[in-house]
């Protein structure tokens, strides 16, 4: 991912969002799903930092009520389906302040 430069100094909460997955029509979807966040401390005005916000397989999955129950890698059971195809990843300081966006293929 590319660097994001802050305008103001201080601390910043960087948030990563996922766009809606490619899923069957009966699956409920949201336009933006919070996938992770990270507090970055003591940023100077105009400074750039490269950070990593991990996004797990669960966050890339959707719940399908019509799917059979399966056991996930973390040991839980459910109807989680890992989404396939393109998925938008958005980064910003709030859901209405997206500073970077890129579609990735899963």
PDB file of N, CA and C in Angstrom:
ATOM      1  N   UNK A   1       0.843  -1.168   0.000  1.00  0.00           N
ATOM      2  CA  UNK A   1       0.000   0.000   0.000  1.00  0.00           C
ATOM      3  C   UNK A   1       0.891   1.236   0.000  1.00  0.00           C
ATOM      4  N   UNK A   2       0.392   2.315  -0.537  1.00  0.00           N
ATOM      5  CA  UNK A   2       1.155   3.547  -0.615  1.00  0.00           C
ATOM      6  C   UNK A   2       1.126   4.297   0.711  1.00  0.00           C
ATOM      7  N   UNK A   3       2.060   5.240   0.847  1.00  0.00           N
ATOM      8  CA  UNK A   3       2.099   6.064   2.046  1.00  0.00           C
ATOM      9  C   UNK A   3       0.959   7.070   2.026  1.00  0.00           C
ATOM     10  N   UNK A   4       0.471   7.410   3.206  1.00  0.00           N
ATOM     11  CA  UNK A   4      -0.526   8.467   3.351  1.00  0.00           C
ATOM     12  C   UNK A   4       0.125   9.578   4.152  1.00  0.00           C
ATOM     13  N   UNK A   5       0.040  10.796   3.670  1.00  0.00           N
ATOM     14  CA  UNK A   5       0.663  11.941   4.321  1.00  0.00           C
ATOM     15  C   UNK A   5      -0.389  12.711   5.105  1.00  0.00           C
ATOM     16  N   UNK A   6      -0.056  13.056   6.343  1.00  0.00           N
ATOM     17  CA  UNK A   6      -0.981  13.817   7.176  1.00  0.00           C
ATOM     18  C   UNK A   6      -0.809  15.315   6.931  1.00  0.00           C
ATOM     19  N   UNK A   7      -1.892  16.055   7.059  1.00  0.00           N
ATOM     20  CA  UNK A   7      -1.847  17.507   6.909  1.00  0.00           C
ATOM     21  C   UNK A   7      -1.579  18.143   8.266  1.00  0.00           C
ATOM     22  N   UNK A   8      -2.301  17.683   9.289  1.00  0.00           N
ATOM     23  CA  UNK A   8      -2.138  18.211  10.637  1.00  0.00           C
ATOM     24  C   UNK A   8      -1.175  17.330  11.421  1.00  0.00           C
ATOM     25  N   UNK A   9      -0.579  17.881  12.441  1.00  0.00           N
ATOM     26  CA  UNK A   9       0.310  17.107  13.297  1.00  0.00           C
ATOM     27  C   UNK A   9      -0.463  16.457  14.430  1.00  0.00           C
ATOM     28  N   UNK A  10       0.215  15.595  15.199  1.00  0.00           N
ATOM     29  CA  UNK A  10      -0.414  14.942  16.342  1.00  0.00           C
ATOM     30  C   UNK A  10      -0.592  13.467  16.096  1.00  0.00           C
ATOM     31  N   UNK A  11      -1.628  12.892  16.706  1.00  0.00           N
ATOM     32  CA  UNK A  11      -1.941  11.473  16.537  1.00  0.00           C
ATOM     33  C   UNK A  11      -3.021  11.317  15.480  1.00  0.00           C
ATOM     34  N   UNK A  12      -3.014  10.178  14.817  1.00  0.00           N
ATOM     35  CA  UNK A  12      -4.012   9.885  13.792  1.00  0.00           C
ATOM     36  C   UNK A  12      -4.475   8.446  13.953  1.00  0.00           C
ATOM     37  N   UNK A  13      -5.761   8.223  13.844  1.00  0.00           N
ATOM     38  CA  UNK A  13      -6.307   6.869  13.811  1.00  0.00           C
ATOM     39  C   UNK A  13      -6.545   6.541  12.339  1.00  0.00           C
ATOM     40  N   UNK A  14      -5.750   5.634  11.805  1.00  0.00           N
ATOM     41  CA  UNK A  14      -5.883   5.229  10.409  1.00  0.00           C
ATOM     42  C   UNK A  14      -6.820   4.025  10.383  1.00  0.00           C
ATOM     43  N   UNK A  15      -7.832   4.090   9.527  1.00  0.00           N
ATOM     44  CA  UNK A  15      -8.848   3.045   9.454  1.00  0.00           C
ATOM     45  C   UNK A  15      -8.842   2.406   8.075  1.00  0.00           C
ATOM     46  N   UNK A  16      -8.968   1.076   8.043  1.00  0.00           N
ATOM     47  CA  UNK A  16      -9.057   0.340   6.781  1.00  0.00           C
ATOM     48  C   UNK A  16     -10.474  -0.199   6.638  1.00  0.00           C
ATOM     49  N   UNK A  17     -11.071   0.016   5.488  1.00  0.00           N
ATOM     50  CA  UNK A  17     -12.430  -0.441   5.186  1.00  0.00           C
ATOM     51  C   UNK A  17     -12.397  -1.359   3.972  1.00  0.00           C
ATOM     52  N   UNK A  18     -13.352  -2.256   3.904  1.00  0.00           N
ATOM     53  CA  UNK A  18     -13.543  -3.115   2.746  1.00  0.00           C
ATOM     54  C   UNK A  18     -14.862  -2.766   2.094  1.00  0.00           C
ATOM     55  N   UNK A  19     -14.868  -2.734   0.771  1.00  0.00           N
ATOM     56  CA  UNK A  19     -16.107  -2.551   0.033  1.00  0.00           C
ATOM     57  C   UNK A  19     -16.903  -3.852   0.059  1.00  0.00           C
ATOM     58  N   UNK A  20     -18.114  -3.808  -0.434  1.00  0.00           N
ATOM     59  CA  UNK A  20     -18.996  -4.979  -0.429  1.00  0.00           C
ATOM     60  C   UNK A  20     -18.378  -6.127  -1.222  1.00  0.00           C
ATOM     61  N   UNK A  21     -18.527  -7.363  -0.716  1.00  0.00           N
ATOM     62  CA  UNK A  21     -17.989  -8.519  -1.437  1.00  0.00           C
ATOM     63  C   UNK A  21     -18.881  -8.903  -2.610  1.00  0.00           C
ATOM     64  N   UNK A  22     -18.305  -9.661  -3.541  1.00  0.00           N
ATOM     65  CA  UNK A  22     -19.114 -10.289  -4.577  1.00  0.00           C
ATOM     66  C   UNK A  22     -19.758 -11.500  -3.919  1.00  0.00           C
ATOM     67  N   UNK A  23     -21.074 -11.445  -3.725  1.00  0.00           N
ATOM     68  CA  UNK A  23     -21.789 -12.489  -2.997  1.00  0.00           C
ATOM     69  C   UNK A  23     -23.179 -12.659  -3.602  1.00  0.00           C
ATOM     70  N   UNK A  24     -23.820 -13.811  -3.336  1.00  0.00           N
ATOM     71  CA  UNK A  24     -25.181 -14.016  -3.841  1.00  0.00           C
ATOM     72  C   UNK A  24     -26.137 -12.923  -3.361  1.00  0.00           C
ATOM     73  N   UNK A  25     -27.209 -12.730  -4.095  1.00  0.00           N
ATOM     74  CA  UNK A  25     -28.172 -11.675  -3.792  1.00  0.00           C
ATOM     75  C   UNK A  25     -28.832 -11.777  -2.427  1.00  0.00           C
ATOM     76  N   UNK A  26     -28.949 -12.985  -1.874  1.00  0.00           N
ATOM     77  CA  UNK A  26     -29.612 -13.140  -0.576  1.00  0.00           C
ATOM     78  C   UNK A  26     -28.703 -12.767   0.604  1.00  0.00           C
ATOM     79  N   UNK A  27     -27.431 -12.503   0.340  1.00  0.00           N
ATOM     80  CA  UNK A  27     -26.476 -12.154   1.395  1.00  0.00           C
ATOM     81  C   UNK A  27     -26.543 -10.648   1.659  1.00  0.00           C
ATOM     82  N   UNK A  28     -26.669 -10.284   2.951  1.00  0.00           N
ATOM     83  CA  UNK A  28     -26.664  -8.869   3.311  1.00  0.00           C
ATOM     84  C   UNK A  28     -25.254  -8.316   3.174  1.00  0.00           C
ATOM     85  N   UNK A  29     -25.133  -7.129   2.577  1.00  0.00           N
ATOM     86  CA  UNK A  29     -23.837  -6.515   2.343  1.00  0.00           C
ATOM     87  C   UNK A  29     -23.884  -5.055   2.796  1.00  0.00           C
ATOM     88  N   UNK A  30     -22.745  -4.541   3.190  1.00  0.00           N
ATOM     89  CA  UNK A  30     -22.624  -3.116   3.504  1.00  0.00           C
ATOM     90  C   UNK A  30     -21.663  -2.488   2.499  1.00  0.00           C
ATOM     91  N   UNK A  31     -21.802  -1.185   2.270  1.00  0.00           N
ATOM     92  CA  UNK A  31     -20.924  -0.510   1.311  1.00  0.00           C
ATOM     93  C   UNK A  31     -19.502  -0.390   1.828  1.00  0.00           C
ATOM     94  N   UNK A  32     -19.368  -0.163   3.142  1.00  0.00           N
ATOM     95  CA  UNK A  32     -18.046  -0.047   3.768  1.00  0.00           C
ATOM     96  C   UNK A  32     -18.071  -0.819   5.076  1.00  0.00           C
ATOM     97  N   UNK A  33     -17.123  -1.737   5.214  1.00  0.00           N
ATOM     98  CA  UNK A  33     -17.002  -2.549   6.426  1.00  0.00           C
ATOM     99  C   UNK A  33     -15.664  -2.226   7.076  1.00  0.00           C
ATOM    100  N   UNK A  34     -15.672  -1.779   8.328  1.00  0.00           N
ATOM    101  CA  UNK A  34     -14.428  -1.518   9.032  1.00  0.00           C
ATOM    102  C   UNK A  34     -13.682  -2.834   9.213  1.00  0.00           C
ATOM    103  N   UNK A  35     -12.462  -2.907   8.693  1.00  0.00           N
ATOM    104  CA  UNK A  35     -11.684  -4.143   8.743  1.00  0.00           C
ATOM    105  C   UNK A  35     -10.534  -4.061   9.746  1.00  0.00           C
ATOM    106  N   UNK A  36     -10.141  -2.858  10.135  1.00  0.00           N
ATOM    107  CA  UNK A  36      -9.058  -2.696  11.097  1.00  0.00           C
ATOM    108  C   UNK A  36      -8.696  -1.237  11.245  1.00  0.00           C
ATOM    109  N   UNK A  37      -7.933  -0.957  12.283  1.00  0.00           N
ATOM    110  CA  UNK A  37      -7.479   0.415  12.503  1.00  0.00           C
ATOM    111  C   UNK A  37      -6.186   0.387  13.302  1.00  0.00           C
ATOM    112  N   UNK A  38      -5.478   1.502  13.269  1.00  0.00           N
ATOM    113  CA  UNK A  38      -4.206   1.609  13.974  1.00  0.00           C
ATOM    114  C   UNK A  38      -4.000   3.061  14.391  1.00  0.00           C
ATOM    115  N   UNK A  39      -3.621   3.258  15.634  1.00  0.00           N
ATOM    116  CA  UNK A  39      -3.287   4.603  16.114  1.00  0.00           C
ATOM    117  C   UNK A  39      -1.823   4.875  15.788  1.00  0.00           C
ATOM    118  N   UNK A  40      -1.589   5.974  15.084  1.00  0.00           N
ATOM    119  CA  UNK A  40      -0.236   6.398  14.737  1.00  0.00           C
ATOM    120  C   UNK A  40       0.035   7.661  15.540  1.00  0.00           C
ATOM    121  N   UNK A  41       1.052   7.587  16.394  1.00  0.00           N
ATOM    122  CA  UNK A  41       1.309   8.685  17.336  1.00  0.00           C
ATOM    123  C   UNK A  41       2.405   9.627  16.851  1.00  0.00           C
ATOM    124  N   UNK A  42       2.271  10.861  17.293  1.00  0.00           N
ATOM    125  CA  UNK A  42       3.302  11.894  17.114  1.00  0.00           C
ATOM    126  C   UNK A  42       3.708  12.109  15.658  1.00  0.00           C
ATOM    127  N   UNK A  43       2.730  12.328  14.806  1.00  0.00           N
ATOM    128  CA  UNK A  43       3.018  12.629  13.398  1.00  0.00           C
ATOM    129  C   UNK A  43       3.198  14.133  13.255  1.00  0.00           C
ATOM    130  N   UNK A  44       4.212  14.528  12.530  1.00  0.00           N
ATOM    131  CA  UNK A  44       4.449  15.944  12.258  1.00  0.00           C
ATOM    132  C   UNK A  44       3.661  16.364  11.026  1.00  0.00           C
ATOM    133  N   UNK A  45       3.281  17.634  10.910  1.00  0.00           N
ATOM    134  CA  UNK A  45       2.567  18.094   9.717  1.00  0.00           C
ATOM    135  C   UNK A  45       3.360  17.769   8.447  1.00  0.00           C
ATOM    136  N   UNK A  46       2.702  17.153   7.466  1.00  0.00           N
ATOM    137  CA  UNK A  46       3.338  16.790   6.203  1.00  0.00           C
ATOM    138  C   UNK A  46       4.150  15.509   6.233  1.00  0.00           C
ATOM    139  N   UNK A  47       4.278  14.875   7.388  1.00  0.00           N
ATOM    140  CA  UNK A  47       5.070  13.649   7.501  1.00  0.00           C
ATOM    141  C   UNK A  47       4.310  12.448   6.924  1.00  0.00           C
ATOM    142  N   UNK A  48       5.042  11.533   6.323  1.00  0.00           N
ATOM    143  CA  UNK A  48       4.478  10.279   5.823  1.00  0.00           C
ATOM    144  C   UNK A  48       5.076   9.124   6.608  1.00  0.00           C
ATOM    145  N   UNK A  49       4.256   8.119   6.879  1.00  0.00           N
ATOM    146  CA  UNK A  49       4.717   6.879   7.510  1.00  0.00           C
ATOM    147  C   UNK A  49       4.049   5.710   6.826  1.00  0.00           C
ATOM    148  N   UNK A  50       4.783   4.645   6.671  1.00  0.00           N
ATOM    149  CA  UNK A  50       4.218   3.412   6.133  1.00  0.00           C
ATOM    150  C   UNK A  50       3.791   2.559   7.324  1.00  0.00           C
ATOM    151  N   UNK A  51       2.530   2.131   7.314  1.00  0.00           N
ATOM    152  CA  UNK A  51       2.004   1.309   8.400  1.00  0.00           C
ATOM    153  C   UNK A  51       1.361   0.063   7.809  1.00  0.00           C
ATOM    154  N   UNK A  52       1.101  -0.906   8.659  1.00  0.00           N
ATOM    155  CA  UNK A  52       0.422  -2.129   8.233  1.00  0.00           C
ATOM    156  C   UNK A  52      -0.787  -2.352   9.117  1.00  0.00           C
ATOM    157  N   UNK A  53      -1.929  -2.552   8.492  1.00  0.00           N
ATOM    158  CA  UNK A  53      -3.157  -2.919   9.197  1.00  0.00           C
ATOM    159  C   UNK A  53      -3.545  -4.301   8.681  1.00  0.00           C
ATOM    160  N   UNK A  54      -3.357  -5.339   9.500  1.00  0.00           N
ATOM    161  CA  UNK A  54      -3.695  -6.685   9.022  1.00  0.00           C
ATOM    162  C   UNK A  54      -5.201  -6.840   8.797  1.00  0.00           C
ATOM    163  N   UNK A  55      -5.554  -7.530   7.721  1.00  0.00           N
ATOM    164  CA  UNK A  55      -6.951  -7.858   7.425  1.00  0.00           C
ATOM    165  C   UNK A  55      -7.028  -9.378   7.355  1.00  0.00           C
ATOM    166  N   UNK A  56      -7.830  -9.948   8.232  1.00  0.00           N
ATOM    167  CA  UNK A  56      -7.897 -11.404   8.348  1.00  0.00           C
ATOM    168  C   UNK A  56      -8.842 -12.014   7.316  1.00  0.00           C
ATOM    169  N   UNK A  57      -8.747 -13.328   7.189  1.00  0.00           N
ATOM    170  CA  UNK A  57      -9.642 -14.056   6.294  1.00  0.00           C
ATOM    171  C   UNK A  57     -11.096 -13.877   6.714  1.00  0.00           C
ATOM    172  N   UNK A  58     -11.351 -13.819   8.021  1.00  0.00           N
ATOM    173  CA  UNK A  58     -12.728 -13.632   8.506  1.00  0.00           C
ATOM    174  C   UNK A  58     -13.303 -12.307   8.023  1.00  0.00           C
ATOM    175  N   UNK A  59     -12.488 -11.251   8.056  1.00  0.00           N
ATOM    176  CA  UNK A  59     -12.970  -9.949   7.599  1.00  0.00           C
ATOM    177  C   UNK A  59     -13.219  -9.923   6.095  1.00  0.00           C
ATOM    178  N   UNK A  60     -12.566 -10.809   5.357  1.00  0.00           N
ATOM    179  CA  UNK A  60     -12.766 -10.914   3.917  1.00  0.00           C
ATOM    180  C   UNK A  60     -13.910 -11.865   3.561  1.00  0.00           C
ATOM    181  N   UNK A  61     -14.543 -12.432   4.588  1.00  0.00           N
ATOM    182  CA  UNK A  61     -15.611 -13.412   4.380  1.00  0.00           C
ATOM    183  C   UNK A  61     -16.976 -12.800   4.653  1.00  0.00           C
ATOM    184  N   UNK A  62     -18.001 -13.459   4.151  1.00  0.00           N
ATOM    185  CA  UNK A  62     -19.378 -13.054   4.434  1.00  0.00           C
ATOM    186  C   UNK A  62     -20.140 -14.261   4.968  1.00  0.00           C
ATOM    187  N   UNK A  63     -21.214 -14.000   5.699  1.00  0.00           N
ATOM    188  CA  UNK A  63     -22.054 -15.044   6.294  1.00  0.00           C
ATOM    189  C   UNK A  63     -23.167 -15.370   5.299  1.00  0.00           C
ATOM    190  N   UNK A  64     -23.261 -16.648   4.928  1.00  0.00           N
ATOM    191  CA  UNK A  64     -24.290 -17.078   3.984  1.00  0.00           C
ATOM    192  C   UNK A  64     -25.211 -18.065   4.677  1.00  0.00           C
ATOM    193  N   UNK A  65     -26.402 -17.626   4.995  1.00  0.00           N
ATOM    194  CA  UNK A  65     -27.373 -18.436   5.733  1.00  0.00           C
ATOM    195  C   UNK A  65     -27.716 -19.731   4.999  1.00  0.00           C
ATOM    196  N   UNK A  66     -27.566 -19.760   3.675  1.00  0.00           N
ATOM    197  CA  UNK A  66     -27.900 -20.945   2.899  1.00  0.00           C
ATOM    198  C   UNK A  66     -26.730 -21.928   2.755  1.00  0.00           C
ATOM    199  N   UNK A  67     -25.541 -21.537   3.180  1.00  0.00           N
ATOM    200  CA  UNK A  67     -24.356 -22.397   3.060  1.00  0.00           C
ATOM    201  C   UNK A  67     -24.355 -23.458   4.159  1.00  0.00           C
ATOM    202  N   UNK A  68     -23.686 -24.592   3.924  1.00  0.00           N
ATOM    203  CA  UNK A  68     -23.564 -25.599   4.980  1.00  0.00           C
ATOM    204  C   UNK A  68     -22.616 -25.105   6.074  1.00  0.00           C
ATOM    205  N   UNK A  69     -22.786 -25.628   7.274  1.00  0.00           N
ATOM    206  CA  UNK A  69     -21.898 -25.263   8.384  1.00  0.00           C
ATOM    207  C   UNK A  69     -20.540 -25.910   8.152  1.00  0.00           C
ATOM    208  N   UNK A  70     -19.489 -25.102   8.267  1.00  0.00           N
ATOM    209  CA  UNK A  70     -18.125 -25.591   8.104  1.00  0.00           C
ATOM    210  C   UNK A  70     -17.279 -25.135   9.285  1.00  0.00           C
ATOM    211  N   UNK A  71     -16.135 -25.782   9.454  1.00  0.00           N
ATOM    212  CA  UNK A  71     -15.203 -25.369  10.502  1.00  0.00           C
ATOM    213  C   UNK A  71     -14.154 -24.467   9.878  1.00  0.00           C
ATOM    214  N   UNK A  72     -13.935 -23.319  10.505  1.00  0.00           N
ATOM    215  CA  UNK A  72     -12.981 -22.342  10.009  1.00  0.00           C
ATOM    216  C   UNK A  72     -11.585 -22.658  10.537  1.00  0.00           C
ATOM    217  N   UNK A  73     -10.576 -22.019   9.942  1.00  0.00           N
ATOM    218  CA  UNK A  73      -9.187 -22.232  10.342  1.00  0.00           C
ATOM    219  C   UNK A  73      -8.950 -21.892  11.813  1.00  0.00           C
ATOM    220  N   UNK A  74      -9.734 -20.961  12.364  1.00  0.00           N
ATOM    221  CA  UNK A  74      -9.558 -20.574  13.769  1.00  0.00           C
ATOM    222  C   UNK A  74     -10.308 -21.493  14.733  1.00  0.00           C
ATOM    223  N   UNK A  75     -10.929 -22.547  14.209  1.00  0.00           N
ATOM    224  CA  UNK A  75     -11.622 -23.519  15.052  1.00  0.00           C
ATOM    225  C   UNK A  75     -13.095 -23.253  15.264  1.00  0.00           C
ATOM    226  N   UNK A  76     -13.574 -22.093  14.840  1.00  0.00           N
ATOM    227  CA  UNK A  76     -14.994 -21.791  14.988  1.00  0.00           C
ATOM    228  C   UNK A  76     -15.780 -22.451  13.865  1.00  0.00           C
ATOM    229  N   UNK A  77     -17.065 -22.641  14.086  1.00  0.00           N
ATOM    230  CA  UNK A  77     -17.928 -23.212  13.053  1.00  0.00           C
ATOM    231  C   UNK A  77     -18.947 -22.168  12.636  1.00  0.00           C
ATOM    232  N   UNK A  78     -19.312 -22.211  11.386  1.00  0.00           N
ATOM    233  CA  UNK A  78     -20.297 -21.258  10.914  1.00  0.00           C
ATOM    234  C   UNK A  78     -20.527 -21.400   9.434  1.00  0.00           C
ATOM    235  N   UNK A  79     -21.118 -20.385   8.869  1.00  0.00           N
ATOM    236  CA  UNK A  79     -21.458 -20.363   7.454  1.00  0.00           C
ATOM    237  C   UNK A  79     -20.687 -19.244   6.755  1.00  0.00           C
ATOM    238  N   UNK A  80     -19.423 -19.059   7.158  1.00  0.00           N
ATOM    239  CA  UNK A  80     -18.575 -18.034   6.582  1.00  0.00           C
ATOM    240  C   UNK A  80     -18.046 -18.504   5.233  1.00  0.00           C
ATOM    241  N   UNK A  81     -18.135 -17.640   4.232  1.00  0.00           N
ATOM    242  CA  UNK A  81     -17.646 -17.923   2.889  1.00  0.00           C
ATOM    243  C   UNK A  81     -16.622 -16.846   2.534  1.00  0.00           C
ATOM    244  N   UNK A  82     -15.408 -17.264   2.179  1.00  0.00           N
ATOM    245  CA  UNK A  82     -14.385 -16.311   1.758  1.00  0.00           C
ATOM    246  C   UNK A  82     -14.788 -15.740   0.404  1.00  0.00           C
ATOM    247  N   UNK A  83     -14.875 -14.414   0.329  1.00  0.00           N
ATOM    248  CA  UNK A  83     -15.305 -13.791  -0.924  1.00  0.00           C
ATOM    249  C   UNK A  83     -14.235 -13.960  -1.995  1.00  0.00           C
ATOM    250  N   UNK A  84     -14.672 -14.032  -3.219  1.00  0.00           N
ATOM    251  CA  UNK A  84     -13.790 -14.170  -4.387  1.00  0.00           C
ATOM    252  C   UNK A  84     -13.969 -12.950  -5.264  1.00  0.00           C
ATOM    253  N   UNK A  85     -13.025 -12.749  -6.151  1.00  0.00           N
ATOM    254  CA  UNK A  85     -13.133 -11.642  -7.094  1.00  0.00           C
ATOM    255  C   UNK A  85     -12.573 -10.349  -6.532  1.00  0.00           C
ATOM    256  N   UNK A  86     -12.986  -9.231  -7.109  1.00  0.00           N
ATOM    257  CA  UNK A  86     -12.481  -7.922  -6.711  1.00  0.00           C
ATOM    258  C   UNK A  86     -13.094  -7.441  -5.407  1.00  0.00           C
ATOM    259  N   UNK A  87     -12.280  -6.801  -4.600  1.00  0.00           N
ATOM    260  CA  UNK A  87     -12.750  -6.221  -3.331  1.00  0.00           C
ATOM    261  C   UNK A  87     -12.031  -4.901  -3.125  1.00  0.00           C
ATOM    262  N   UNK A  88     -12.778  -3.853  -2.915  1.00  0.00           N
ATOM    263  CA  UNK A  88     -12.186  -2.536  -2.701  1.00  0.00           C
ATOM    264  C   UNK A  88     -11.649  -2.429  -1.280  1.00  0.00           C
ATOM    265  N   UNK A  89     -10.418  -1.943  -1.153  1.00  0.00           N
ATOM    266  CA  UNK A  89      -9.804  -1.639   0.139  1.00  0.00           C
ATOM    267  C   UNK A  89      -9.667  -0.129   0.203  1.00  0.00           C
ATOM    268  N   UNK A  90     -10.205   0.461   1.277  1.00  0.00           N
ATOM    269  CA  UNK A  90     -10.183   1.909   1.446  1.00  0.00           C
ATOM    270  C   UNK A  90      -9.488   2.256   2.756  1.00  0.00           C
ATOM    271  N   UNK A  91      -8.686   3.314   2.741  1.00  0.00           N
ATOM    272  CA  UNK A  91      -7.958   3.736   3.934  1.00  0.00           C
ATOM    273  C   UNK A  91      -8.213   5.216   4.151  1.00  0.00           C
ATOM    274  N   UNK A  92      -8.450   5.581   5.412  1.00  0.00           N
ATOM    275  CA  UNK A  92      -8.671   6.980   5.744  1.00  0.00           C
ATOM    276  C   UNK A  92      -8.749   7.180   7.237  1.00  0.00           C
ATOM    277  N   UNK A  93      -9.150   8.362   7.638  1.00  0.00           N
ATOM    278  CA  UNK A  93      -9.277   8.668   9.064  1.00  0.00           C
ATOM    279  C   UNK A  93     -10.712   8.511   9.554  1.00  0.00           C
ATOM    280  N   UNK A  94     -11.644   8.273   8.628  1.00  0.00           N
ATOM    281  CA  UNK A  94     -13.050   8.046   8.962  1.00  0.00           C
ATOM    282  C   UNK A  94     -13.726   7.482   7.715  1.00  0.00           C
ATOM    283  N   UNK A  95     -14.902   6.904   7.897  1.00  0.00           N
ATOM    284  CA  UNK A  95     -15.602   6.304   6.759  1.00  0.00           C
ATOM    285  C   UNK A  95     -15.980   7.334   5.702  1.00  0.00           C
ATOM    286  N   UNK A  96     -16.121   8.586   6.114  1.00  0.00           N
ATOM    287  CA  UNK A  96     -16.447   9.642   5.155  1.00  0.00           C
ATOM    288  C   UNK A  96     -15.221  10.483   4.788  1.00  0.00           C
ATOM    289  N   UNK A  97     -14.040  10.005   5.161  1.00  0.00           N
ATOM    290  CA  UNK A  97     -12.784  10.698   4.817  1.00  0.00           C
ATOM    291  C   UNK A  97     -11.770   9.664   4.324  1.00  0.00           C
ATOM    292  N   UNK A  98     -12.082   9.067   3.191  1.00  0.00           N
ATOM    293  CA  UNK A  98     -11.221   8.051   2.578  1.00  0.00           C
ATOM    294  C   UNK A  98     -10.124   8.780   1.786  1.00  0.00           C
ATOM    295  N   UNK A  99      -8.852   8.430   2.073  1.00  0.00           N
ATOM    296  CA  UNK A  99      -7.716   9.090   1.441  1.00  0.00           C
ATOM    297  C   UNK A  99      -7.068   8.221   0.364  1.00  0.00           C
ATOM    298  N   UNK A 100      -7.337   6.928   0.391  1.00  0.00           N
ATOM    299  CA  UNK A 100      -6.713   6.001  -0.560  1.00  0.00           C
ATOM    300  C   UNK A 100      -7.677   4.845  -0.798  1.00  0.00           C
ATOM    301  N   UNK A 101      -7.752   4.401  -2.031  1.00  0.00           N
ATOM    302  CA  UNK A 101      -8.638   3.285  -2.369  1.00  0.00           C
ATOM    303  C   UNK A 101      -8.007   2.467  -3.489  1.00  0.00           C
ATOM    304  N   UNK A 102      -8.126   1.154  -3.373  1.00  0.00           N
ATOM    305  CA  UNK A 102      -7.602   0.277  -4.403  1.00  0.00           C
ATOM    306  C   UNK A 102      -8.417  -1.001  -4.416  1.00  0.00           C
ATOM    307  N   UNK A 103      -8.718  -1.524  -5.599  1.00  0.00           N
ATOM    308  CA  UNK A 103      -9.416  -2.805  -5.700  1.00  0.00           C
ATOM    309  C   UNK A 103      -8.376  -3.908  -5.831  1.00  0.00           C
ATOM    310  N   UNK A 104      -8.545  -4.950  -5.010  1.00  0.00           N
ATOM    311  CA  UNK A 104      -7.629  -6.108  -5.048  1.00  0.00           C
ATOM    312  C   UNK A 104      -8.458  -7.331  -5.430  1.00  0.00           C
ATOM    313  N   UNK A 105      -7.802  -8.291  -6.057  1.00  0.00           N
ATOM    314  CA  UNK A 105      -8.471  -9.533  -6.427  1.00  0.00           C
ATOM    315  C   UNK A 105      -8.152 -10.603  -5.399  1.00  0.00           C
ATOM    316  N   UNK A 106      -9.179 -11.304  -4.963  1.00  0.00           N
ATOM    317  CA  UNK A 106      -9.003 -12.370  -3.981  1.00  0.00           C
ATOM    318  C   UNK A 106      -9.043 -13.720  -4.657  1.00  0.00           C
TER     319      UNK A 106
END
